[in-house]
Amino acid sequence: MQTYPINLVLNNRLVILIGGKGEIVQKIPGLLDVNARIRLIAPSIDDAVLPYVLEEQVEWVARSYCPGDLTGATLVIANTGNLSVHEEIWAEGIANGQLVNVMDVMHQCNFHAASLVRRGQLTISIGTGGAAPALAATLRKRFEEDFGQEYAEFLRYSQSIRPQVAQLIPSFQERKKFWYALVESDALDLLKRGQSFAFEQLVRELLETHAEAIPA
């Protein structure tokens, strides 16, 4: 089945995890990274979850799933090992119009989580439509080697100079040429080698060149 890739904004949105052991526990750090509100419903939990609960980063409802538990959630992920419970969760989530993923049960998923590589504001998402998560994880490791922290630094700097670029290069077409020239230059290699001064000098030279290219 073909899927349409998106990046969800889950800041202060309720995400419900049903099941407190195994692979579902690995979802918690990534959800906390995007400031989701996590409610975990399970009679018992892995020891790895307890610090999150004690630090009030995760709300733990210490019982099994009950109908109505999904109210208010943007996202629902379930992994209980109980097929009949999964059917109830899927039915309730679909009735609510929610995003639901019953882990490793493709016909009870209307979204699939992707493997991610993050470098600051750069997000590389790798998905296999749920067919081969191991392949996605393998590709993620490869991309982690190819894309270093210089990409995060490049994006931080680029965002900081956007107002200056807009002021110096008011022409949209010329601004577009500037950004492409910067990306295709040695800028990332300079940052990778720790040559921040040379990088900033390169940016200044490109700014001057493209500002001067605008007809008076």
C-alpha atoms as a PDB file:
ATOM      1  CA  MET A   1       0.000   0.000   0.000  1.00  0.00           C
ATOM      2  CA  GLN A   2       1.311   3.444  -0.932  1.00  0.00           C
ATOM      3  CA  THR A   3       1.579   5.968   1.903  1.00  0.00           C
ATOM      4  CA  TYR A   4       1.842   9.763   1.995  1.00  0.00           C
ATOM      5  CA  PRO A   5       4.779  10.911   4.169  1.00  0.00           C
ATOM      6  CA  ILE A   6       4.213  13.709   6.697  1.00  0.00           C
ATOM      7  CA  ASN A   7       5.910  15.133   9.790  1.00  0.00           C
ATOM      8  CA  LEU A   8       3.487  15.538  12.698  1.00  0.00           C
ATOM      9  CA  VAL A   9       3.550  18.458  15.115  1.00  0.00           C
ATOM     10  CA  LEU A  10       2.818  16.801  18.457  1.00  0.00           C
ATOM     11  CA  ASN A  11       3.770  19.668  20.770  1.00  0.00           C
ATOM     12  CA  ASN A  12       1.464  19.379  23.823  1.00  0.00           C
ATOM     13  CA  ARG A  13      -0.677  16.797  21.985  1.00  0.00           C
ATOM     14  CA  LEU A  14      -1.868  13.689  23.790  1.00  0.00           C
ATOM     15  CA  VAL A  15      -0.298  10.432  22.623  1.00  0.00           C
ATOM     16  CA  ILE A  16      -1.586   7.206  24.148  1.00  0.00           C
ATOM     17  CA  LEU A  17       0.610   4.133  24.397  1.00  0.00           C
ATOM     18  CA  ILE A  18      -1.182   0.909  25.292  1.00  0.00           C
ATOM     19  CA  GLY A  19       1.245  -1.680  26.596  1.00  0.00           C
ATOM     20  CA  GLY A  20       4.187  -1.055  28.891  1.00  0.00           C
ATOM     21  CA  LYS A  21       6.748  -3.603  27.810  1.00  0.00           C
ATOM     22  CA  GLY A  22       8.847  -4.490  24.795  1.00  0.00           C
ATOM     23  CA  GLU A  23       9.285  -2.442  21.657  1.00  0.00           C
ATOM     24  CA  ILE A  24       6.586   0.110  22.463  1.00  0.00           C
ATOM     25  CA  VAL A  25       8.803   1.456  25.268  1.00  0.00           C
ATOM     26  CA  GLN A  26      11.297   2.606  22.632  1.00  0.00           C
ATOM     27  CA  LYS A  27       8.719   5.105  21.355  1.00  0.00           C
ATOM     28  CA  ILE A  28       8.903   7.211  24.525  1.00  0.00           C
ATOM     29  CA  PRO A  29      12.177   9.149  23.993  1.00  0.00           C
ATOM     30  CA  GLY A  30      11.244  10.229  20.477  1.00  0.00           C
ATOM     31  CA  LEU A  31       7.807  11.401  21.592  1.00  0.00           C
ATOM     32  CA  LEU A  32       9.309  13.354  24.475  1.00  0.00           C
ATOM     33  CA  ASP A  33      11.769  14.971  22.049  1.00  0.00           C
ATOM     34  CA  VAL A  34       8.818  16.580  20.225  1.00  0.00           C
ATOM     35  CA  ASN A  35       7.076  17.603  23.484  1.00  0.00           C
ATOM     36  CA  ALA A  36       4.157  15.196  23.188  1.00  0.00           C
ATOM     37  CA  ARG A  37       2.041  14.473  26.284  1.00  0.00           C
ATOM     38  CA  ILE A  38       2.318  10.733  26.856  1.00  0.00           C
ATOM     39  CA  ARG A  39      -0.249   8.598  28.620  1.00  0.00           C
ATOM     40  CA  LEU A  40       0.733   4.941  28.999  1.00  0.00           C
ATOM     41  CA  ILE A  41      -1.985   2.412  29.786  1.00  0.00           C
ATOM     42  CA  ALA A  42      -0.765  -0.947  31.078  1.00  0.00           C
ATOM     43  CA  PRO A  43      -1.113  -3.089  34.213  1.00  0.00           C
ATOM     44  CA  SER A  44       2.683  -3.279  34.510  1.00  0.00           C
ATOM     45  CA  ILE A  45       5.675  -1.584  32.914  1.00  0.00           C
ATOM     46  CA  ASP A  46       9.312  -2.244  32.070  1.00  0.00           C
ATOM     47  CA  ASP A  47      11.865  -0.945  34.539  1.00  0.00           C
ATOM     48  CA  ALA A  48      13.067   1.409  31.788  1.00  0.00           C
ATOM     49  CA  VAL A  49       9.726   3.253  31.896  1.00  0.00           C
ATOM     50  CA  LEU A  50       9.734   3.894  35.640  1.00  0.00           C
ATOM     51  CA  PRO A  51      12.139   6.907  35.565  1.00  0.00           C
ATOM     52  CA  TYR A  52       9.864   8.665  33.055  1.00  0.00           C
ATOM     53  CA  VAL A  53       6.883   8.060  35.332  1.00  0.00           C
ATOM     54  CA  LEU A  54       8.697   9.210  38.475  1.00  0.00           C
ATOM     55  CA  GLU A  55       9.854  12.375  36.709  1.00  0.00           C
ATOM     56  CA  GLU A  56       6.248  12.948  35.542  1.00  0.00           C
ATOM     57  CA  GLN A  57       7.270  12.852  31.892  1.00  0.00           C
ATOM     58  CA  VAL A  58       4.867   9.972  31.287  1.00  0.00           C
ATOM     59  CA  GLU A  59       1.427   9.522  32.851  1.00  0.00           C
ATOM     60  CA  TRP A  60       0.952   5.868  33.759  1.00  0.00           C
ATOM     61  CA  VAL A  61      -2.567   4.469  34.034  1.00  0.00           C
ATOM     62  CA  ALA A  62      -1.896   1.190  35.853  1.00  0.00           C
ATOM     63  CA  ARG A  63      -4.582  -1.036  34.357  1.00  0.00           C
ATOM     64  CA  SER A  64      -5.609  -2.667  31.111  1.00  0.00           C
ATOM     65  CA  TYR A  65      -7.233  -0.734  28.255  1.00  0.00           C
ATOM     66  CA  CYS A  66     -10.918   0.110  28.605  1.00  0.00           C
ATOM     67  CA  PRO A  67     -13.263   1.425  25.884  1.00  0.00           C
ATOM     68  CA  GLY A  68     -13.248   5.207  25.951  1.00  0.00           C
ATOM     69  CA  ASP A  69      -9.562   5.432  26.907  1.00  0.00           C
ATOM     70  CA  LEU A  70      -8.612   6.945  23.556  1.00  0.00           C
ATOM     71  CA  THR A  71     -10.678  10.110  24.009  1.00  0.00           C
ATOM     72  CA  GLY A  72      -8.668  13.245  23.242  1.00  0.00           C
ATOM     73  CA  ALA A  73      -5.637  11.505  21.770  1.00  0.00           C
ATOM     74  CA  THR A  74      -4.014  12.614  18.536  1.00  0.00           C
ATOM     75  CA  LEU A  75      -1.967   9.448  18.188  1.00  0.00           C
ATOM     76  CA  VAL A  76      -2.451   5.915  19.524  1.00  0.00           C
ATOM     77  CA  ILE A  77       0.146   3.131  19.566  1.00  0.00           C
ATOM     78  CA  ALA A  78      -0.693  -0.305  20.941  1.00  0.00           C
ATOM     79  CA  ASN A  79       1.303  -3.437  21.672  1.00  0.00           C
ATOM     80  CA  THR A  80      -0.361  -5.683  24.240  1.00  0.00           C
ATOM     81  CA  GLY A  81      -0.118  -9.125  22.657  1.00  0.00           C
ATOM     82  CA  ASN A  82      -3.894  -9.493  23.028  1.00  0.00           C
ATOM     83  CA  LEU A  83      -5.634  -9.738  19.629  1.00  0.00           C
ATOM     84  CA  SER A  84      -9.145  -9.010  20.938  1.00  0.00           C
ATOM     85  CA  VAL A  85      -7.904  -5.904  22.790  1.00  0.00           C
ATOM     86  CA  HIS A  86      -6.160  -4.731  19.632  1.00  0.00           C
ATOM     87  CA  GLU A  87      -9.409  -5.101  17.699  1.00  0.00           C
ATOM     88  CA  GLU A  88     -11.207  -2.917  20.268  1.00  0.00           C
ATOM     89  CA  ILE A  89      -8.460  -0.288  20.177  1.00  0.00           C
ATOM     90  CA  TRP A  90      -8.472  -0.228  16.382  1.00  0.00           C
ATOM     91  CA  ALA A  91     -12.271   0.077  16.223  1.00  0.00           C
ATOM     92  CA  GLU A  92     -12.371   2.910  18.767  1.00  0.00           C
ATOM     93  CA  GLY A  93      -9.510   4.797  17.141  1.00  0.00           C
ATOM     94  CA  ILE A  94     -11.031   4.579  13.673  1.00  0.00           C
ATOM     95  CA  ALA A  95     -14.425   5.689  15.033  1.00  0.00           C
ATOM     96  CA  ASN A  96     -12.693   8.700  16.621  1.00  0.00           C
ATOM     97  CA  GLY A  97     -10.803   9.546  13.421  1.00  0.00           C
ATOM     98  CA  GLN A  98      -7.459   9.050  15.171  1.00  0.00           C
ATOM     99  CA  LEU A  99      -4.059   7.920  13.975  1.00  0.00           C
ATOM    100  CA  VAL A 100      -3.633   4.358  15.226  1.00  0.00           C
ATOM    101  CA  ASN A 101      -0.749   1.911  14.999  1.00  0.00           C
ATOM    102  CA  VAL A 102      -1.129  -1.595  16.396  1.00  0.00           C
ATOM    103  CA  MET A 103       2.489  -2.616  16.225  1.00  0.00           C
ATOM    104  CA  ASP A 104       3.348  -5.377  13.724  1.00  0.00           C
ATOM    105  CA  VAL A 105      -0.300  -5.700  12.627  1.00  0.00           C
ATOM    106  CA  MET A 106      -0.402  -3.958   9.257  1.00  0.00           C
ATOM    107  CA  HIS A 107      -4.166  -4.111   8.738  1.00  0.00           C
ATOM    108  CA  GLN A 108      -4.663  -2.294  12.069  1.00  0.00           C
ATOM    109  CA  CYS A 109      -2.437   0.661  11.206  1.00  0.00           C
ATOM    110  CA  ASN A 110      -3.390   3.851   9.417  1.00  0.00           C
ATOM    111  CA  PHE A 111       0.152   5.198   9.831  1.00  0.00           C
ATOM    112  CA  HIS A 112       3.634   3.712  10.030  1.00  0.00           C
ATOM    113  CA  ALA A 113       6.436   5.254  12.081  1.00  0.00           C
ATOM    114  CA  ALA A 114       9.574   5.990  10.090  1.00  0.00           C
ATOM    115  CA  SER A 115      13.208   5.613  11.072  1.00  0.00           C
ATOM    116  CA  LEU A 116      14.685   9.072  11.582  1.00  0.00           C
ATOM    117  CA  VAL A 117      18.018  10.785  11.304  1.00  0.00           C
ATOM    118  CA  ARG A 118      18.004  14.196  13.006  1.00  0.00           C
ATOM    119  CA  ARG A 119      20.670  16.832  12.698  1.00  0.00           C
ATOM    120  CA  GLY A 120      19.221  19.939  14.316  1.00  0.00           C
ATOM    121  CA  GLN A 121      16.385  21.079  12.069  1.00  0.00           C
ATOM    122  CA  LEU A 122      17.279  18.530   9.399  1.00  0.00           C
ATOM    123  CA  THR A 123      15.049  15.460   9.521  1.00  0.00           C
ATOM    124  CA  ILE A 124      15.617  12.512   7.202  1.00  0.00           C
ATOM    125  CA  SER A 125      12.711  10.074   7.339  1.00  0.00           C
ATOM    126  CA  ILE A 126      13.034   6.497   6.076  1.00  0.00           C
ATOM    127  CA  GLY A 127       9.910   4.390   5.715  1.00  0.00           C
ATOM    128  CA  THR A 128       9.125   0.986   4.246  1.00  0.00           C
ATOM    129  CA  GLY A 129       5.340   1.107   4.630  1.00  0.00           C
ATOM    130  CA  GLY A 130       5.600  -1.329   7.518  1.00  0.00           C
ATOM    131  CA  ALA A 131       6.959  -4.055   5.218  1.00  0.00           C
ATOM    132  CA  ALA A 132      10.563  -4.148   6.455  1.00  0.00           C
ATOM    133  CA  PRO A 133      11.391  -1.979   9.484  1.00  0.00           C
ATOM    134  CA  ALA A 134      14.817  -3.639   9.684  1.00  0.00           C
ATOM    135  CA  LEU A 135      15.708  -2.212   6.270  1.00  0.00           C
ATOM    136  CA  ALA A 136      14.682   1.271   7.428  1.00  0.00           C
ATOM    137  CA  ALA A 137      16.850   0.900  10.533  1.00  0.00           C
ATOM    138  CA  THR A 138      19.820  -0.254   8.434  1.00  0.00           C
ATOM    139  CA  LEU A 139      19.476   2.705   6.071  1.00  0.00           C
ATOM    140  CA  ARG A 140      19.197   5.044   9.065  1.00  0.00           C
ATOM    141  CA  LYS A 141      22.580   3.875  10.351  1.00  0.00           C
ATOM    142  CA  ARG A 142      24.096   4.516   6.924  1.00  0.00           C
ATOM    143  CA  PHE A 143      22.663   8.041   6.781  1.00  0.00           C
ATOM    144  CA  GLU A 144      23.839   8.759  10.329  1.00  0.00           C
ATOM    145  CA  GLU A 145      27.393   8.226   9.080  1.00  0.00           C
ATOM    146  CA  ASP A 146      26.916  10.368   5.965  1.00  0.00           C
ATOM    147  CA  PHE A 147      25.177  13.338   7.586  1.00  0.00           C
ATOM    148  CA  GLY A 148      27.154  14.873  10.444  1.00  0.00           C
ATOM    149  CA  GLN A 149      26.549  17.756  12.846  1.00  0.00           C
ATOM    150  CA  GLU A 150      27.758  20.220  10.213  1.00  0.00           C
ATOM    151  CA  TYR A 151      24.233  20.031   8.764  1.00  0.00           C
ATOM    152  CA  ALA A 152      22.712  21.163  12.066  1.00  0.00           C
ATOM    153  CA  GLU A 153      25.212  24.030  12.285  1.00  0.00           C
ATOM    154  CA  PHE A 154      24.550  25.027   8.680  1.00  0.00           C
ATOM    155  CA  LEU A 155      20.794  25.201   9.304  1.00  0.00           C
ATOM    156  CA  ARG A 156      21.178  27.177  12.549  1.00  0.00           C
ATOM    157  CA  TYR A 157      23.332  29.734  10.765  1.00  0.00           C
ATOM    158  CA  SER A 158      21.068  29.856   7.708  1.00  0.00           C
ATOM    159  CA  GLN A 159      18.034  30.580   9.847  1.00  0.00           C
ATOM    160  CA  SER A 160      19.867  33.330  11.733  1.00  0.00           C
ATOM    161  CA  ILE A 161      20.820  35.215   8.537  1.00  0.00           C
ATOM    162  CA  ARG A 162      17.499  34.942   6.683  1.00  0.00           C
ATOM    163  CA  PRO A 163      16.391  38.496   7.681  1.00  0.00           C
ATOM    164  CA  GLN A 164      19.766  39.875   6.568  1.00  0.00           C
ATOM    165  CA  VAL A 165      19.574  38.007   3.263  1.00  0.00           C
ATOM    166  CA  ALA A 166      16.055  39.316   2.632  1.00  0.00           C
ATOM    167  CA  GLN A 167      17.244  42.876   3.304  1.00  0.00           C
ATOM    168  CA  LEU A 168      20.376  42.715   1.163  1.00  0.00           C
ATOM    169  CA  ILE A 169      18.828  40.687  -1.674  1.00  0.00           C
ATOM    170  CA  PRO A 170      15.200  41.822  -2.062  1.00  0.00           C
ATOM    171  CA  SER A 171      14.783  40.035  -5.404  1.00  0.00           C
ATOM    172  CA  PHE A 172      13.270  36.580  -4.859  1.00  0.00           C
ATOM    173  CA  GLN A 173      14.997  35.126  -7.915  1.00  0.00           C
ATOM    174  CA  GLU A 174      18.395  36.450  -6.858  1.00  0.00           C
ATOM    175  CA  ARG A 175      17.828  35.231  -3.277  1.00  0.00           C
ATOM    176  CA  LYS A 176      17.063  31.799  -4.664  1.00  0.00           C
ATOM    177  CA  LYS A 177      20.355  31.875  -6.591  1.00  0.00           C
ATOM    178  CA  PHE A 178      22.193  32.864  -3.399  1.00  0.00           C
ATOM    179  CA  TRP A 179      20.807  29.968  -1.351  1.00  0.00           C
ATOM    180  CA  TYR A 180      21.555  27.427  -4.064  1.00  0.00           C
ATOM    181  CA  ALA A 181      25.060  28.826  -4.481  1.00  0.00           C
ATOM    182  CA  LEU A 182      25.609  28.510  -0.719  1.00  0.00           C
ATOM    183  CA  VAL A 183      24.338  24.923  -0.544  1.00  0.00           C
ATOM    184  CA  GLU A 184      26.404  23.881  -3.587  1.00  0.00           C
ATOM    185  CA  SER A 185      29.563  25.606  -2.312  1.00  0.00           C
ATOM    186  CA  ASP A 186      32.215  24.277   0.091  1.00  0.00           C
ATOM    187  CA  ALA A 187      30.182  25.580   3.057  1.00  0.00           C
ATOM    188  CA  LEU A 188      29.314  22.201   4.555  1.00  0.00           C
ATOM    189  CA  ASP A 189      32.848  20.881   4.082  1.00  0.00           C
ATOM    190  CA  LEU A 190      34.221  23.939   5.880  1.00  0.00           C
ATOM    191  CA  LEU A 191      31.888  23.365   8.820  1.00  0.00           C
ATOM    192  CA  LYS A 192      32.760  19.671   8.882  1.00  0.00           C
ATOM    193  CA  ARG A 193      36.437  20.612   9.193  1.00  0.00           C
ATOM    194  CA  GLY A 194      35.660  23.089  11.966  1.00  0.00           C
ATOM    195  CA  GLN A 195      36.568  26.133   9.845  1.00  0.00           C
ATOM    196  CA  SER A 196      33.783  28.414  11.026  1.00  0.00           C
ATOM    197  CA  PHE A 197      35.600  31.648  10.163  1.00  0.00           C
ATOM    198  CA  ALA A 198      36.188  30.514   6.565  1.00  0.00           C
ATOM    199  CA  PHE A 199      32.539  29.449   6.350  1.00  0.00           C
ATOM    200  CA  GLU A 200      31.296  32.875   7.474  1.00  0.00           C
ATOM    201  CA  GLN A 201      33.686  34.578   5.071  1.00  0.00           C
ATOM    202  CA  LEU A 202      32.281  32.466   2.231  1.00  0.00           C
ATOM    203  CA  VAL A 203      28.742  33.472   3.189  1.00  0.00           C
ATOM    204  CA  ARG A 204      29.702  37.172   3.193  1.00  0.00           C
ATOM    205  CA  GLU A 205      31.311  36.888  -0.233  1.00  0.00           C
ATOM    206  CA  LEU A 206      28.251  35.187  -1.700  1.00  0.00           C
ATOM    207  CA  LEU A 207      25.959  37.789  -0.126  1.00  0.00           C
ATOM    208  CA  GLU A 208      27.977  40.599  -1.674  1.00  0.00           C
ATOM    209  CA  THR A 209      28.057  38.904  -5.064  1.00  0.00           C
ATOM    210  CA  HIS A 210      24.310  38.367  -5.243  1.00  0.00           C
ATOM    211  CA  ALA A 211      23.451  41.760  -3.765  1.00  0.00           C
ATOM    212  CA  GLU A 212      25.577  43.434  -6.441  1.00  0.00           C
ATOM    213  CA  ALA A 213      23.878  41.360  -9.157  1.00  0.00           C
ATOM    214  CA  ILE A 214      20.573  43.210  -8.582  1.00  0.00           C
ATOM    215  CA  PRO A 215      20.083  45.995 -11.198  1.00  0.00           C
ATOM    216  CA  ALA A 216      20.062  49.477  -9.678  1.00  0.00           C
END
